PDB file of N, CA and C in Angstrom:
ATOM      1  N   UNK A   1     -24.196 289.758 -19.683  1.00  0.00           N
ATOM      2  CA  UNK A   1     -25.274 290.123 -20.491  1.00  0.00           C
ATOM      3  C   UNK A   1     -25.068 291.548 -20.868  1.00  0.00           C
ATOM      4  N   UNK A   2     -25.290 292.050 -22.017  1.00  0.00           N
ATOM      5  CA  UNK A   2     -25.129 293.407 -22.416  1.00  0.00           C
ATOM      6  C   UNK A   2     -26.256 294.105 -22.040  1.00  0.00           C
ATOM      7  N   UNK A   3     -26.140 295.430 -21.570  1.00  0.00           N
ATOM      8  CA  UNK A   3     -27.197 296.338 -21.230  1.00  0.00           C
ATOM      9  C   UNK A   3     -27.772 296.961 -22.341  1.00  0.00           C
ATOM     10  N   UNK A   4     -28.945 297.418 -22.289  1.00  0.00           N
ATOM     11  CA  UNK A   4     -29.608 298.235 -23.414  1.00  0.00           C
ATOM     12  C   UNK A   4     -28.994 299.542 -23.554  1.00  0.00           C
ATOM     13  N   UNK A   5     -29.211 300.170 -24.654  1.00  0.00           N
ATOM     14  CA  UNK A   5     -28.608 301.530 -24.950  1.00  0.00           C
ATOM     15  C   UNK A   5     -29.234 302.388 -23.953  1.00  0.00           C
ATOM     16  N   UNK A   6     -30.429 302.363 -23.771  1.00  0.00           N
ATOM     17  CA  UNK A   6     -31.090 303.335 -22.836  1.00  0.00           C
ATOM     18  C   UNK A   6     -30.822 303.293 -21.407  1.00  0.00           C
ATOM     19  N   UNK A   7     -30.356 302.007 -20.910  1.00  0.00           N
ATOM     20  CA  UNK A   7     -29.821 301.857 -19.638  1.00  0.00           C
ATOM     21  C   UNK A   7     -28.407 302.390 -19.511  1.00  0.00           C
ATOM     22  N   UNK A   8     -27.620 302.188 -20.538  1.00  0.00           N
ATOM     23  CA  UNK A   8     -26.319 302.734 -20.582  1.00  0.00           C
ATOM     24  C   UNK A   8     -26.231 304.251 -20.515  1.00  0.00           C
ATOM     25  N   UNK A   9     -27.182 304.868 -21.276  1.00  0.00           N
ATOM     26  CA  UNK A   9     -27.318 306.307 -21.222  1.00  0.00           C
ATOM     27  C   UNK A   9     -27.743 306.784 -19.991  1.00  0.00           C
ATOM     28  N   UNK A  10     -28.504 306.079 -19.220  1.00  0.00           N
ATOM     29  CA  UNK A  10     -29.050 306.479 -17.945  1.00  0.00           C
ATOM     30  C   UNK A  10     -27.794 306.448 -16.991  1.00  0.00           C
ATOM     31  N   UNK A  11     -27.031 305.441 -17.043  1.00  0.00           N
ATOM     32  CA  UNK A  11     -25.788 305.462 -16.096  1.00  0.00           C
ATOM     33  C   UNK A  11     -24.731 306.441 -16.470  1.00  0.00           C
ATOM     34  N   UNK A  12     -24.639 306.759 -17.801  1.00  0.00           N
ATOM     35  CA  UNK A  12     -23.677 307.686 -18.371  1.00  0.00           C
ATOM     36  C   UNK A  12     -24.159 309.203 -17.901  1.00  0.00           C
ATOM     37  N   UNK A  13     -25.531 309.359 -17.863  1.00  0.00           N
ATOM     38  CA  UNK A  13     -26.075 310.691 -17.276  1.00  0.00           C
ATOM     39  C   UNK A  13     -25.755 310.841 -15.818  1.00  0.00           C
ATOM     40  N   UNK A  14     -25.859 309.707 -15.086  1.00  0.00           N
ATOM     41  CA  UNK A  14     -25.615 309.762 -13.601  1.00  0.00           C
ATOM     42  C   UNK A  14     -24.006 310.150 -13.496  1.00  0.00           C
ATOM     43  N   UNK A  15     -23.199 309.489 -14.244  1.00  0.00           N
ATOM     44  CA  UNK A  15     -21.691 309.718 -14.114  1.00  0.00           C
ATOM     45  C   UNK A  15     -21.472 311.310 -14.478  1.00  0.00           C
ATOM     46  N   UNK A  16     -22.011 311.703 -15.469  1.00  0.00           N
ATOM     47  CA  UNK A  16     -21.691 313.131 -15.931  1.00  0.00           C
ATOM     48  C   UNK A  16     -22.135 314.179 -14.734  1.00  0.00           C
ATOM     49  N   UNK A  17     -23.370 313.614 -14.148  1.00  0.00           N
ATOM     50  CA  UNK A  17     -24.015 314.639 -12.894  1.00  0.00           C
ATOM     51  C   UNK A  17     -23.049 314.525 -11.926  1.00  0.00           C
ATOM     52  N   UNK A  18     -22.448 313.373 -11.493  1.00  0.00           N
ATOM     53  CA  UNK A  18     -21.546 313.205 -10.365  1.00  0.00           C
ATOM     54  C   UNK A  18     -20.129 313.938 -10.742  1.00  0.00           C
ATOM     55  N   UNK A  19     -19.809 313.885 -12.040  1.00  0.00           N
ATOM     56  CA  UNK A  19     -18.578 314.752 -12.465  1.00  0.00           C
ATOM     57  C   UNK A  19     -18.788 316.188 -12.252  1.00  0.00           C
ATOM     58  N   UNK A  20     -20.052 316.690 -12.630  1.00  0.00           N
ATOM     59  CA  UNK A  20     -20.353 318.070 -12.493  1.00  0.00           C
ATOM     60  C   UNK A  20     -20.376 318.494 -11.091  1.00  0.00           C
ATOM     61  N   UNK A  21     -20.955 317.636 -10.351  1.00  0.00           N
ATOM     62  CA  UNK A  21     -20.931 317.901  -8.801  1.00  0.00           C
ATOM     63  C   UNK A  21     -19.504 318.035  -8.210  1.00  0.00           C
ATOM     64  N   UNK A  22     -18.602 317.029  -8.622  1.00  0.00           N
ATOM     65  CA  UNK A  22     -17.297 317.186  -8.223  1.00  0.00           C
ATOM     66  C   UNK A  22     -16.643 318.315  -8.768  1.00  0.00           C
ATOM     67  N   UNK A  23     -16.890 318.858 -10.017  1.00  0.00           N
ATOM     68  CA  UNK A  23     -16.405 320.127 -10.375  1.00  0.00           C
ATOM     69  C   UNK A  23     -16.807 321.320  -9.586  1.00  0.00           C
ATOM     70  N   UNK A  24     -17.998 321.347  -9.357  1.00  0.00           N
ATOM     71  CA  UNK A  24     -18.651 322.324  -8.532  1.00  0.00           C
ATOM     72  C   UNK A  24     -18.168 322.458  -7.030  1.00  0.00           C
ATOM     73  N   UNK A  25     -17.892 321.107  -6.422  1.00  0.00           N
ATOM     74  CA  UNK A  25     -17.392 321.162  -5.057  1.00  0.00           C
ATOM     75  C   UNK A  25     -15.877 321.542  -5.198  1.00  0.00           C
ATOM     76  N   UNK A  26     -15.224 321.260  -6.063  1.00  0.00           N
ATOM     77  CA  UNK A  26     -13.749 321.730  -6.375  1.00  0.00           C
ATOM     78  C   UNK A  26     -13.672 323.099  -6.386  1.00  0.00           C
ATOM     79  N   UNK A  27     -14.443 323.705  -7.181  1.00  0.00           N
ATOM     80  CA  UNK A  27     -14.610 325.280  -7.385  1.00  0.00           C
ATOM     81  C   UNK A  27     -14.969 325.944  -6.023  1.00  0.00           C
ATOM     82  N   UNK A  28     -15.975 325.333  -5.257  1.00  0.00           N
ATOM     83  CA  UNK A  28     -16.184 325.917  -3.868  1.00  0.00           C
ATOM     84  C   UNK A  28     -15.088 325.815  -3.069  1.00  0.00           C
ATOM     85  N   UNK A  29     -14.325 324.715  -2.942  1.00  0.00           N
ATOM     86  CA  UNK A  29     -13.138 324.686  -2.192  1.00  0.00           C
ATOM     87  C   UNK A  29     -12.202 325.657  -2.533  1.00  0.00           C
ATOM     88  N   UNK A  30     -11.920 325.988  -3.699  1.00  0.00           N
ATOM     89  CA  UNK A  30     -10.914 326.937  -4.143  1.00  0.00           C
ATOM     90  C   UNK A  30     -11.546 328.198  -3.713  1.00  0.00           C
ATOM     91  N   UNK A  31     -12.840 328.533  -4.016  1.00  0.00           N
ATOM     92  CA  UNK A  31     -13.335 329.799  -3.588  1.00  0.00           C
ATOM     93  C   UNK A  31     -13.402 330.052  -2.242  1.00  0.00           C
ATOM     94  N   UNK A  32     -13.661 329.037  -1.403  1.00  0.00           N
ATOM     95  CA  UNK A  32     -13.630 329.235   0.099  1.00  0.00           C
ATOM     96  C   UNK A  32     -12.377 329.529   0.769  1.00  0.00           C
ATOM     97  N   UNK A  33     -11.269 328.930   0.094  1.00  0.00           N
ATOM     98  CA  UNK A  33      -9.955 328.985   0.467  1.00  0.00           C
ATOM     99  C   UNK A  33      -9.468 330.453   0.300  1.00  0.00           C
ATOM    100  N   UNK A  34     -10.074 331.094  -0.632  1.00  0.00           N
ATOM    101  CA  UNK A  34      -9.662 332.481  -0.978  1.00  0.00           C
ATOM    102  C   UNK A  34     -10.422 333.597  -0.090  1.00  0.00           C
ATOM    103  N   UNK A  35     -11.365 333.160   0.621  1.00  0.00           N
ATOM    104  CA  UNK A  35     -12.254 334.159   1.488  1.00  0.00           C
ATOM    105  C   UNK A  35     -11.206 334.548   2.767  1.00  0.00           C
ATOM    106  N   UNK A  36     -10.998 335.899   2.762  1.00  0.00           N
ATOM    107  CA  UNK A  36     -10.153 336.296   3.760  1.00  0.00           C
ATOM    108  C   UNK A  36     -10.367 335.941   5.275  1.00  0.00           C
ATOM    109  N   UNK A  37     -11.689 335.840   5.536  1.00  0.00           N
ATOM    110  CA  UNK A  37     -12.073 335.431   6.962  1.00  0.00           C
ATOM    111  C   UNK A  37     -11.759 334.058   7.250  1.00  0.00           C
ATOM    112  N   UNK A  38     -12.133 333.312   6.321  1.00  0.00           N
ATOM    113  CA  UNK A  38     -11.793 331.773   6.470  1.00  0.00           C
ATOM    114  C   UNK A  38     -10.274 331.485   6.516  1.00  0.00           C
ATOM    115  N   UNK A  39      -9.658 332.179   5.570  1.00  0.00           N
ATOM    116  CA  UNK A  39      -8.106 332.000   5.511  1.00  0.00           C
ATOM    117  C   UNK A  39      -7.391 332.315   6.862  1.00  0.00           C
ATOM    118  N   UNK A  40      -7.922 333.418   7.531  1.00  0.00           N
ATOM    119  CA  UNK A  40      -7.361 333.882   8.886  1.00  0.00           C
ATOM    120  C   UNK A  40      -7.516 332.797   9.992  1.00  0.00           C
ATOM    121  N   UNK A  41      -8.747 332.142   9.978  1.00  0.00           N
ATOM    122  CA  UNK A  41      -9.116 331.349  11.096  1.00  0.00           C
ATOM    123  C   UNK A  41      -8.829 329.856  10.586  1.00  0.00           C
ATOM    124  N   UNK A  42      -7.803 329.271  11.004  1.00  0.00           N
ATOM    125  CA  UNK A  42      -7.501 327.985  10.637  1.00  0.00           C
ATOM    126  C   UNK A  42      -8.476 326.777  10.948  1.00  0.00           C
ATOM    127  N   UNK A  43      -9.192 326.947  12.154  1.00  0.00           N
ATOM    128  CA  UNK A  43     -10.088 325.959  12.503  1.00  0.00           C
ATOM    129  C   UNK A  43     -11.284 325.917  11.567  1.00  0.00           C
ATOM    130  N   UNK A  44     -11.817 326.947  11.082  1.00  0.00           N
ATOM    131  CA  UNK A  44     -12.936 327.181  10.280  1.00  0.00           C
ATOM    132  C   UNK A  44     -12.496 326.624   8.863  1.00  0.00           C
ATOM    133  N   UNK A  45     -11.320 327.075   8.497  1.00  0.00           N
ATOM    134  CA  UNK A  45     -10.862 326.691   7.102  1.00  0.00           C
ATOM    135  C   UNK A  45     -10.598 325.081   6.967  1.00  0.00           C
ATOM    136  N   UNK A  46     -10.092 324.527   8.138  1.00  0.00           N
ATOM    137  CA  UNK A  46      -9.946 322.997   8.202  1.00  0.00           C
ATOM    138  C   UNK A  46     -11.223 322.403   8.142  1.00  0.00           C
ATOM    139  N   UNK A  47     -12.287 322.895   9.017  1.00  0.00           N
ATOM    140  CA  UNK A  47     -13.606 322.264   9.037  1.00  0.00           C
ATOM    141  C   UNK A  47     -14.279 322.253   7.639  1.00  0.00           C
ATOM    142  N   UNK A  48     -14.229 323.488   7.056  1.00  0.00           N
ATOM    143  CA  UNK A  48     -15.018 323.623   5.636  1.00  0.00           C
ATOM    144  C   UNK A  48     -14.245 322.796   4.677  1.00  0.00           C
ATOM    145  N   UNK A  49     -12.893 322.616   4.695  1.00  0.00           N
ATOM    146  CA  UNK A  49     -12.205 322.026   3.708  1.00  0.00           C
ATOM    147  C   UNK A  49     -12.465 320.409   3.869  1.00  0.00           C
ATOM    148  N   UNK A  50     -12.542 320.107   5.150  1.00  0.00           N
ATOM    149  CA  UNK A  50     -12.713 318.446   5.335  1.00  0.00           C
ATOM    150  C   UNK A  50     -14.251 318.249   5.096  1.00  0.00           C
ATOM    151  N   UNK A  51     -15.022 319.062   5.216  1.00  0.00           N
ATOM    152  CA  UNK A  51     -16.453 318.816   4.999  1.00  0.00           C
ATOM    153  C   UNK A  51     -16.663 318.609   3.426  1.00  0.00           C
ATOM    154  N   UNK A  52     -16.126 319.579   2.707  1.00  0.00           N
ATOM    155  CA  UNK A  52     -16.272 319.540   1.277  1.00  0.00           C
ATOM    156  C   UNK A  52     -15.490 318.233   0.696  1.00  0.00           C
ATOM    157  N   UNK A  53     -14.312 317.868   1.318  1.00  0.00           N
ATOM    158  CA  UNK A  53     -13.576 316.623   0.851  1.00  0.00           C
ATOM    159  C   UNK A  53     -14.493 315.392   1.172  1.00  0.00           C
ATOM    160  N   UNK A  54     -15.053 315.500   2.276  1.00  0.00           N
ATOM    161  CA  UNK A  54     -15.775 314.372   2.776  1.00  0.00           C
ATOM    162  C   UNK A  54     -17.076 314.055   1.816  1.00  0.00           C
ATOM    163  N   UNK A  55     -17.649 315.211   1.245  1.00  0.00           N
ATOM    164  CA  UNK A  55     -18.735 315.036   0.411  1.00  0.00           C
ATOM    165  C   UNK A  55     -18.358 314.626  -0.951  1.00  0.00           C
ATOM    166  N   UNK A  56     -16.955 315.031  -1.402  1.00  0.00           N
ATOM    167  CA  UNK A  56     -16.518 314.612  -2.731  1.00  0.00           C
ATOM    168  C   UNK A  56     -16.077 313.235  -2.604  1.00  0.00           C
ATOM    169  N   UNK A  57     -15.628 312.671  -1.561  1.00  0.00           N
ATOM    170  CA  UNK A  57     -15.169 311.303  -1.359  1.00  0.00           C
ATOM    171  C   UNK A  57     -16.424 310.375  -1.380  1.00  0.00           C
ATOM    172  N   UNK A  58     -17.432 310.845  -0.655  1.00  0.00           N
ATOM    173  CA  UNK A  58     -18.820 310.108  -0.730  1.00  0.00           C
ATOM    174  C   UNK A  58     -19.386 309.973  -2.187  1.00  0.00           C
ATOM    175  N   UNK A  59     -19.302 311.124  -2.889  1.00  0.00           N
ATOM    176  CA  UNK A  59     -19.679 310.814  -4.353  1.00  0.00           C
ATOM    177  C   UNK A  59     -18.876 309.717  -5.124  1.00  0.00           C
ATOM    178  N   UNK A  60     -17.490 309.893  -4.984  1.00  0.00           N
ATOM    179  CA  UNK A  60     -16.551 309.067  -5.602  1.00  0.00           C
ATOM    180  C   UNK A  60     -16.865 307.625  -5.211  1.00  0.00           C
ATOM    181  N   UNK A  61     -16.880 307.310  -3.801  1.00  0.00           N
ATOM    182  CA  UNK A  61     -17.099 306.047  -3.375  1.00  0.00           C
ATOM    183  C   UNK A  61     -18.340 305.490  -3.733  1.00  0.00           C
ATOM    184  N   UNK A  62     -19.413 306.356  -3.659  1.00  0.00           N
ATOM    185  CA  UNK A  62     -20.798 305.845  -3.801  1.00  0.00           C
ATOM    186  C   UNK A  62     -21.029 305.525  -5.290  1.00  0.00           C
ATOM    187  N   UNK A  63     -20.691 306.295  -6.178  1.00  0.00           N
ATOM    188  CA  UNK A  63     -21.069 306.010  -7.697  1.00  0.00           C
ATOM    189  C   UNK A  63     -19.874 305.412  -8.504  1.00  0.00           C
ATOM    190  N   UNK A  64     -18.782 305.970  -8.349  1.00  0.00           N
ATOM    191  CA  UNK A  64     -17.683 305.312  -9.131  1.00  0.00           C
ATOM    192  C   UNK A  64     -17.288 303.924  -8.722  1.00  0.00           C
ATOM    193  N   UNK A  65     -17.471 303.691  -7.279  1.00  0.00           N
ATOM    194  CA  UNK A  65     -17.060 302.489  -6.779  1.00  0.00           C
ATOM    195  C   UNK A  65     -18.416 301.601  -6.606  1.00  0.00           C
ATOM    196  N   UNK A  66     -19.560 302.106  -7.104  1.00  0.00           N
ATOM    197  CA  UNK A  66     -20.766 301.291  -6.829  1.00  0.00           C
ATOM    198  C   UNK A  66     -21.090 300.791  -5.514  1.00  0.00           C
ATOM    199  N   UNK A  67     -20.697 301.624  -4.647  1.00  0.00           N
ATOM    200  CA  UNK A  67     -21.165 301.315  -3.238  1.00  0.00           C
ATOM    201  C   UNK A  67     -22.514 301.890  -2.852  1.00  0.00           C
ATOM    202  N   UNK A  68     -23.158 302.815  -3.674  1.00  0.00           N
ATOM    203  CA  UNK A  68     -24.337 303.377  -3.287  1.00  0.00           C
ATOM    204  C   UNK A  68     -25.535 302.320  -3.440  1.00  0.00           C
ATOM    205  N   UNK A  69     -25.205 301.272  -4.076  1.00  0.00           N
ATOM    206  CA  UNK A  69     -26.261 300.127  -4.153  1.00  0.00           C
ATOM    207  C   UNK A  69     -26.232 299.136  -3.061  1.00  0.00           C
ATOM    208  N   UNK A  70     -25.015 299.025  -2.345  1.00  0.00           N
ATOM    209  CA  UNK A  70     -24.891 298.176  -1.364  1.00  0.00           C
ATOM    210  C   UNK A  70     -25.396 298.609   0.017  1.00  0.00           C
ATOM    211  N   UNK A  71     -26.670 297.932   0.554  1.00  0.00           N
ATOM    212  CA  UNK A  71     -27.361 298.202   1.464  1.00  0.00           C
ATOM    213  C   UNK A  71     -26.385 298.047   2.866  1.00  0.00           C
ATOM    214  N   UNK A  72     -25.644 297.094   2.827  1.00  0.00           N
ATOM    215  CA  UNK A  72     -24.946 296.721   4.057  1.00  0.00           C
ATOM    216  C   UNK A  72     -23.929 297.833   4.362  1.00  0.00           C
ATOM    217  N   UNK A  73     -23.207 298.199   3.273  1.00  0.00           N
ATOM    218  CA  UNK A  73     -22.178 299.300   3.343  1.00  0.00           C
ATOM    219  C   UNK A  73     -22.769 300.480   3.967  1.00  0.00           C
ATOM    220  N   UNK A  74     -23.923 300.876   3.463  1.00  0.00           N
ATOM    221  CA  UNK A  74     -24.742 302.154   3.979  1.00  0.00           C
ATOM    222  C   UNK A  74     -25.063 302.101   5.337  1.00  0.00           C
ATOM    223  N   UNK A  75     -25.557 300.846   5.730  1.00  0.00           N
ATOM    224  CA  UNK A  75     -25.970 300.792   7.124  1.00  0.00           C
ATOM    225  C   UNK A  75     -24.735 300.941   8.186  1.00  0.00           C
ATOM    226  N   UNK A  76     -23.586 300.114   7.762  1.00  0.00           N
ATOM    227  CA  UNK A  76     -22.274 300.227   8.606  1.00  0.00           C
ATOM    228  C   UNK A  76     -21.778 301.457   8.670  1.00  0.00           C
ATOM    229  N   UNK A  77     -21.947 302.253   7.373  1.00  0.00           N
ATOM    230  CA  UNK A  77     -21.470 303.721   7.375  1.00  0.00           C
ATOM    231  C   UNK A  77     -22.279 304.509   8.316  1.00  0.00           C
ATOM    232  N   UNK A  78     -23.616 304.458   8.269  1.00  0.00           N
ATOM    233  CA  UNK A  78     -24.411 305.230   9.223  1.00  0.00           C
ATOM    234  C   UNK A  78     -24.129 304.921  10.639  1.00  0.00           C
ATOM    235  N   UNK A  79     -23.783 303.641  10.913  1.00  0.00           N
ATOM    236  CA  UNK A  79     -23.505 303.331  12.317  1.00  0.00           C
ATOM    237  C   UNK A  79     -22.066 303.917  12.766  1.00  0.00           C
ATOM    238  N   UNK A  80     -21.243 303.834  11.870  1.00  0.00           N
ATOM    239  CA  UNK A  80     -20.067 304.465  12.180  1.00  0.00           C
ATOM    240  C   UNK A  80     -20.020 305.899  12.314  1.00  0.00           C
ATOM    241  N   UNK A  81     -20.836 306.633  11.545  1.00  0.00           N
ATOM    242  CA  UNK A  81     -20.992 308.106  11.611  1.00  0.00           C
ATOM    243  C   UNK A  81     -21.585 308.444  12.989  1.00  0.00           C
ATOM    244  N   UNK A  82     -22.681 307.748  13.306  1.00  0.00           N
ATOM    245  CA  UNK A  82     -23.321 308.005  14.535  1.00  0.00           C
ATOM    246  C   UNK A  82     -22.522 307.768  15.711  1.00  0.00           C
ATOM    247  N   UNK A  83     -21.850 306.694  15.774  1.00  0.00           N
ATOM    248  CA  UNK A  83     -20.876 306.334  16.768  1.00  0.00           C
ATOM    249  C   UNK A  83     -19.765 307.523  16.941  1.00  0.00           C
ATOM    250  N   UNK A  84     -19.311 307.995  15.860  1.00  0.00           N
ATOM    251  CA  UNK A  84     -18.207 309.034  15.872  1.00  0.00           C
ATOM    252  C   UNK A  84     -18.950 310.332  16.395  1.00  0.00           C
ATOM    253  N   UNK A  85     -19.899 310.604  15.960  1.00  0.00           N
ATOM    254  CA  UNK A  85     -20.576 311.880  16.552  1.00  0.00           C
ATOM    255  C   UNK A  85     -20.824 311.789  18.029  1.00  0.00           C
ATOM    256  N   UNK A  86     -21.366 310.684  18.594  1.00  0.00           N
ATOM    257  CA  UNK A  86     -21.648 310.461  19.921  1.00  0.00           C
ATOM    258  C   UNK A  86     -20.250 310.471  20.784  1.00  0.00           C
ATOM    259  N   UNK A  87     -19.237 309.771  20.158  1.00  0.00           N
ATOM    260  CA  UNK A  87     -17.866 309.864  20.829  1.00  0.00           C
ATOM    261  C   UNK A  87     -17.407 311.334  21.018  1.00  0.00           C
ATOM    262  N   UNK A  88     -17.541 312.031  19.779  1.00  0.00           N
ATOM    263  CA  UNK A  88     -17.118 313.494  19.915  1.00  0.00           C
ATOM    264  C   UNK A  88     -17.851 314.245  21.064  1.00  0.00           C
ATOM    265  N   UNK A  89     -19.103 313.907  20.820  1.00  0.00           N
ATOM    266  CA  UNK A  89     -19.937 314.672  22.044  1.00  0.00           C
ATOM    267  C   UNK A  89     -19.536 314.300  23.433  1.00  0.00           C
ATOM    268  N   UNK A  90     -19.213 313.017  23.551  1.00  0.00           N
ATOM    269  CA  UNK A  90     -18.663 312.608  24.907  1.00  0.00           C
ATOM    270  C   UNK A  90     -17.378 313.316  25.202  1.00  0.00           C
ATOM    271  N   UNK A  91     -16.581 313.393  24.332  1.00  0.00           N
ATOM    272  CA  UNK A  91     -15.256 314.268  24.593  1.00  0.00           C
ATOM    273  C   UNK A  91     -15.476 315.632  24.763  1.00  0.00           C
ATOM    274  N   UNK A  92     -16.343 316.266  24.148  1.00  0.00           N
ATOM    275  CA  UNK A  92     -16.608 317.616  24.402  1.00  0.00           C
ATOM    276  C   UNK A  92     -17.463 318.063  25.595  1.00  0.00           C
ATOM    277  N   UNK A  93     -18.071 317.200  26.153  1.00  0.00           N
ATOM    278  CA  UNK A  93     -18.985 317.289  27.213  1.00  0.00           C
ATOM    279  C   UNK A  93     -18.162 317.988  28.408  1.00  0.00           C
ATOM    280  N   UNK A  94     -17.009 317.475  28.867  1.00  0.00           N
ATOM    281  CA  UNK A  94     -16.391 318.055  30.047  1.00  0.00           C
ATOM    282  C   UNK A  94     -15.859 319.464  29.792  1.00  0.00           C
ATOM    283  N   UNK A  95     -15.528 319.695  28.459  1.00  0.00           N
ATOM    284  CA  UNK A  95     -15.055 321.047  28.094  1.00  0.00           C
ATOM    285  C   UNK A  95     -16.189 321.981  28.137  1.00  0.00           C
ATOM    286  N   UNK A  96     -17.441 321.652  27.706  1.00  0.00           N
ATOM    287  CA  UNK A  96     -18.496 322.554  27.747  1.00  0.00           C
ATOM    288  C   UNK A  96     -18.952 322.759  29.158  1.00  0.00           C
ATOM    289  N   UNK A  97     -18.921 321.751  29.939  1.00  0.00           N
ATOM    290  CA  UNK A  97     -19.354 321.872  31.449  1.00  0.00           C
ATOM    291  C   UNK A  97     -18.341 322.833  32.188  1.00  0.00           C
ATOM    292  N   UNK A  98     -17.036 322.674  31.966  1.00  0.00           N
ATOM    293  CA  UNK A  98     -15.987 323.604  32.451  1.00  0.00           C
ATOM    294  C   UNK A  98     -16.248 324.934  32.124  1.00  0.00           C
ATOM    295  N   UNK A  99     -16.382 325.260  30.771  1.00  0.00           N
ATOM    296  CA  UNK A  99     -16.624 326.720  30.326  1.00  0.00           C
ATOM    297  C   UNK A  99     -18.059 327.254  30.960  1.00  0.00           C
ATOM    298  N   UNK A 100     -18.876 326.531  31.157  1.00  0.00           N
ATOM    299  CA  UNK A 100     -20.097 326.905  31.879  1.00  0.00           C
ATOM    300  C   UNK A 100     -19.827 327.269  33.348  1.00  0.00           C
ATOM    301  N   UNK A 101     -19.004 326.484  34.030  1.00  0.00           N
ATOM    302  CA  UNK A 101     -18.815 326.435  35.362  1.00  0.00           C
ATOM    303  C   UNK A 101     -18.070 327.863  35.585  1.00  0.00           C
ATOM    304  N   UNK A 102     -16.877 328.087  34.717  1.00  0.00           N
ATOM    305  CA  UNK A 102     -15.973 329.132  34.768  1.00  0.00           C
ATOM    306  C   UNK A 102     -16.828 330.487  34.453  1.00  0.00           C
ATOM    307  N   UNK A 103     -17.701 330.441  33.563  1.00  0.00           N
ATOM    308  CA  UNK A 103     -18.550 331.559  33.140  1.00  0.00           C
ATOM    309  C   UNK A 103     -19.465 331.938  34.316  1.00  0.00           C
ATOM    310  N   UNK A 104     -20.062 330.921  34.971  1.00  0.00           N
ATOM    311  CA  UNK A 104     -20.968 331.240  36.054  1.00  0.00           C
ATOM    312  C   UNK A 104     -20.121 331.699  37.303  1.00  0.00           C
ATOM    313  N   UNK A 105     -18.952 331.217  37.474  1.00  0.00           N
ATOM    314  CA  UNK A 105     -18.155 331.503  38.676  1.00  0.00           C
ATOM    315  C   UNK A 105     -17.795 333.119  38.412  1.00  0.00           C
ATOM    316  N   UNK A 106     -17.521 333.583  37.338  1.00  0.00           N
ATOM    317  CA  UNK A 106     -17.093 334.783  37.109  1.00  0.00           C
ATOM    318  C   UNK A 106     -18.282 335.843  37.125  1.00  0.00           C
ATOM    319  N   UNK A 107     -19.424 335.257  36.839  1.00  0.00           N
ATOM    320  CA  UNK A 107     -20.599 336.269  37.039  1.00  0.00           C
ATOM    321  C   UNK A 107     -20.976 336.598  38.392  1.00  0.00           C
ATOM    322  N   UNK A 108     -20.678 335.629  39.199  1.00  0.00           N
ATOM    323  CA  UNK A 108     -21.229 335.664  40.639  1.00  0.00           C
ATOM    324  C   UNK A 108     -20.178 336.361  41.652  1.00  0.00           C
TER     325      UNK A 108
END
């Protein structure tokens, strides 16, 4: 069934907004890569670059692939994100506790 002209324009407006956001994020990526402090520190550069790339991928998957309307995909995505963050926290826990122990040993 054909959509009305108003509904088509509404979707077209959303697509243009997503396109604009992708252009802005691409510009931010290039601008951040040219900042001397970030260019010298590889860990910060990779973290910022991957964060921006994740935002861009989310926009493309959500709007152009129409996954933004699928509640099951959103729920599974949040479960995977929370699981990944908790997993990384568990991996970093021994490192943080060791740094704290070494620092306290040096102070005493």
